[in-house]
Amino acid sequence: MNATVLPGLGTFRIGNRFRGLVEMGMALGGTLFFCLTLFRAMGERDESMTLPQAFAPHAFHLLFGVILVLGSWLSGVLFARGLLQK
C-alpha cells in the first residue's frame, strides 16, 4: 500500500508530495527570511559599527531563519533515507 502517515493529517496517498512541498516551502521561506533580515541589518549599519554590533538586534531573526532551513534539510534527508531503505 502506497500511503504515508503525517501527524495531524492522517493517512493519505499524496502524503509524500505534500511533505515535500511543506519542506521546500520551509526551506525557501527560511532562506528568504534570513536574506531579508541580513539585508535589513546591513542597511541599518553605520560606518562606526562593527558587523557583530549590526547583527546583534537581528540575531533572533537570523537564528530563526537558519533553524527553518536546517530543520527542513534535516527532515528531507531523513525522509529520503527512509525511502531508500524500503
C-alpha atoms as a PDB file:
ATOM      1  CA  MET A   1       0.000   0.000   0.000  1.00  0.00           C
ATOM      2  CA  ASN A   2       1.453   3.350  -1.025  1.00  0.00           C
ATOM      3  CA  ALA A   3       0.373   5.622   1.816  1.00  0.00           C
ATOM      4  CA  THR A   4       2.049   7.989   4.226  1.00  0.00           C
ATOM      5  CA  VAL A   5       1.059   8.942   7.759  1.00  0.00           C
ATOM      6  CA  LEU A   6       1.689  12.558   8.750  1.00  0.00           C
ATOM      7  CA  PRO A   7       0.881  13.812  12.257  1.00  0.00           C
ATOM      8  CA  GLY A   8      -2.465  15.579  12.302  1.00  0.00           C
ATOM      9  CA  LEU A   9      -3.214  14.786   8.665  1.00  0.00           C
ATOM     10  CA  GLY A  10      -3.971  11.075   8.825  1.00  0.00           C
ATOM     11  CA  THR A  11      -3.122   8.519   6.165  1.00  0.00           C
ATOM     12  CA  PHE A  12      -3.404   9.539   2.539  1.00  0.00           C
ATOM     13  CA  ARG A  13      -1.747   8.621  -0.743  1.00  0.00           C
ATOM     14  CA  ILE A  14      -0.342  12.023  -1.681  1.00  0.00           C
ATOM     15  CA  GLY A  15       1.476  12.399   1.643  1.00  0.00           C
ATOM     16  CA  ASN A  16       4.943  12.167   0.073  1.00  0.00           C
ATOM     17  CA  ARG A  17       4.279  15.048  -2.290  1.00  0.00           C
ATOM     18  CA  PHE A  18       2.618  17.155   0.398  1.00  0.00           C
ATOM     19  CA  ARG A  19       5.517  16.611   2.785  1.00  0.00           C
ATOM     20  CA  GLY A  20       7.967  17.548   0.037  1.00  0.00           C
ATOM     21  CA  LEU A  21       6.024  20.743  -0.673  1.00  0.00           C
ATOM     22  CA  VAL A  22       5.975  21.655   3.012  1.00  0.00           C
ATOM     23  CA  GLU A  23       9.714  21.043   3.362  1.00  0.00           C
ATOM     24  CA  MET A  24      10.529  23.045   0.239  1.00  0.00           C
ATOM     25  CA  GLY A  25       8.255  25.848   1.414  1.00  0.00           C
ATOM     26  CA  MET A  26      10.015  25.926   4.772  1.00  0.00           C
ATOM     27  CA  ALA A  27      13.448  25.923   3.151  1.00  0.00           C
ATOM     28  CA  LEU A  28      12.501  28.672   0.702  1.00  0.00           C
ATOM     29  CA  GLY A  29      10.724  30.729   3.349  1.00  0.00           C
ATOM     30  CA  GLY A  30      13.606  30.365   5.784  1.00  0.00           C
ATOM     31  CA  THR A  31      16.137  31.366   3.133  1.00  0.00           C
ATOM     32  CA  LEU A  32      14.133  34.438   2.111  1.00  0.00           C
ATOM     33  CA  PHE A  33      13.523  35.387   5.746  1.00  0.00           C
ATOM     34  CA  PHE A  34      17.253  35.059   6.511  1.00  0.00           C
ATOM     35  CA  CYS A  35      18.312  37.076   3.448  1.00  0.00           C
ATOM     36  CA  LEU A  36      15.794  39.863   4.082  1.00  0.00           C
ATOM     37  CA  THR A  37      16.882  40.092   7.719  1.00  0.00           C
ATOM     38  CA  LEU A  38      20.513  40.156   6.614  1.00  0.00           C
ATOM     39  CA  PHE A  39      19.833  42.992   4.155  1.00  0.00           C
ATOM     40  CA  ARG A  40      17.871  44.887   6.807  1.00  0.00           C
ATOM     41  CA  ALA A  41      20.746  44.516   9.300  1.00  0.00           C
ATOM     42  CA  MET A  42      23.289  45.699   6.740  1.00  0.00           C
ATOM     43  CA  GLY A  43      21.081  48.641   5.747  1.00  0.00           C
ATOM     44  CA  GLU A  44      20.859  49.838   9.352  1.00  0.00           C
ATOM     45  CA  ARG A  45      24.612  49.561   9.868  1.00  0.00           C
ATOM     46  CA  ASP A  46      26.562  52.771  10.441  1.00  0.00           C
ATOM     47  CA  GLU A  47      30.165  53.170   9.403  1.00  0.00           C
ATOM     48  CA  SER A  48      31.253  53.207  13.040  1.00  0.00           C
ATOM     49  CA  MET A  49      29.542  49.867  13.795  1.00  0.00           C
ATOM     50  CA  THR A  50      31.231  46.508  13.615  1.00  0.00           C
ATOM     51  CA  LEU A  51      29.496  43.556  11.978  1.00  0.00           C
ATOM     52  CA  PRO A  52      28.527  41.850  15.283  1.00  0.00           C
ATOM     53  CA  GLN A  53      27.093  45.151  16.551  1.00  0.00           C
ATOM     54  CA  ALA A  54      24.979  45.463  13.408  1.00  0.00           C
ATOM     55  CA  PHE A  55      23.692  41.884  13.660  1.00  0.00           C
ATOM     56  CA  ALA A  56      23.014  41.934  17.428  1.00  0.00           C
ATOM     57  CA  PRO A  57      19.484  43.421  17.208  1.00  0.00           C
ATOM     58  CA  HIS A  58      18.585  40.927  14.459  1.00  0.00           C
ATOM     59  CA  ALA A  59      20.232  37.837  15.964  1.00  0.00           C
ATOM     60  CA  PHE A  60      16.955  36.105  16.845  1.00  0.00           C
ATOM     61  CA  HIS A  61      15.523  36.565  13.341  1.00  0.00           C
ATOM     62  CA  LEU A  62      18.746  35.341  11.721  1.00  0.00           C
ATOM     63  CA  LEU A  63      18.815  32.308  14.010  1.00  0.00           C
ATOM     64  CA  PHE A  64      15.150  31.559  13.266  1.00  0.00           C
ATOM     65  CA  GLY A  65      15.859  31.606   9.507  1.00  0.00           C
ATOM     66  CA  VAL A  66      18.799  29.244   9.968  1.00  0.00           C
ATOM     67  CA  ILE A  67      16.671  26.878  12.082  1.00  0.00           C
ATOM     68  CA  LEU A  68      13.938  26.817   9.415  1.00  0.00           C
ATOM     69  CA  VAL A  69      16.402  25.988   6.646  1.00  0.00           C
ATOM     70  CA  LEU A  70      18.422  23.413   8.597  1.00  0.00           C
ATOM     71  CA  GLY A  71      15.278  21.810  10.001  1.00  0.00           C
ATOM     72  CA  SER A  72      13.757  21.365   6.564  1.00  0.00           C
ATOM     73  CA  TRP A  73      17.018  19.981   5.151  1.00  0.00           C
ATOM     74  CA  LEU A  74      17.406  17.539   8.044  1.00  0.00           C
ATOM     75  CA  SER A  75      13.798  16.418   7.731  1.00  0.00           C
ATOM     76  CA  GLY A  76      14.206  15.938   3.973  1.00  0.00           C
ATOM     77  CA  VAL A  77      17.405  13.921   4.338  1.00  0.00           C
ATOM     78  CA  LEU A  78      15.902  11.660   6.995  1.00  0.00           C
ATOM     79  CA  PHE A  79      12.754  11.208   4.912  1.00  0.00           C
ATOM     80  CA  ALA A  80      14.759  10.359   1.777  1.00  0.00           C
ATOM     81  CA  ARG A  81      16.898   7.923   3.736  1.00  0.00           C
ATOM     82  CA  GLY A  82      13.737   6.172   4.913  1.00  0.00           C
ATOM     83  CA  LEU A  83      12.501   5.918   1.314  1.00  0.00           C
ATOM     84  CA  LEU A  84      15.768   4.385   0.134  1.00  0.00           C
ATOM     85  CA  GLN A  85      15.641   1.663   2.794  1.00  0.00           C
ATOM     86  CA  LYS A  86      12.285   0.321   1.557  1.00  0.00           C
END
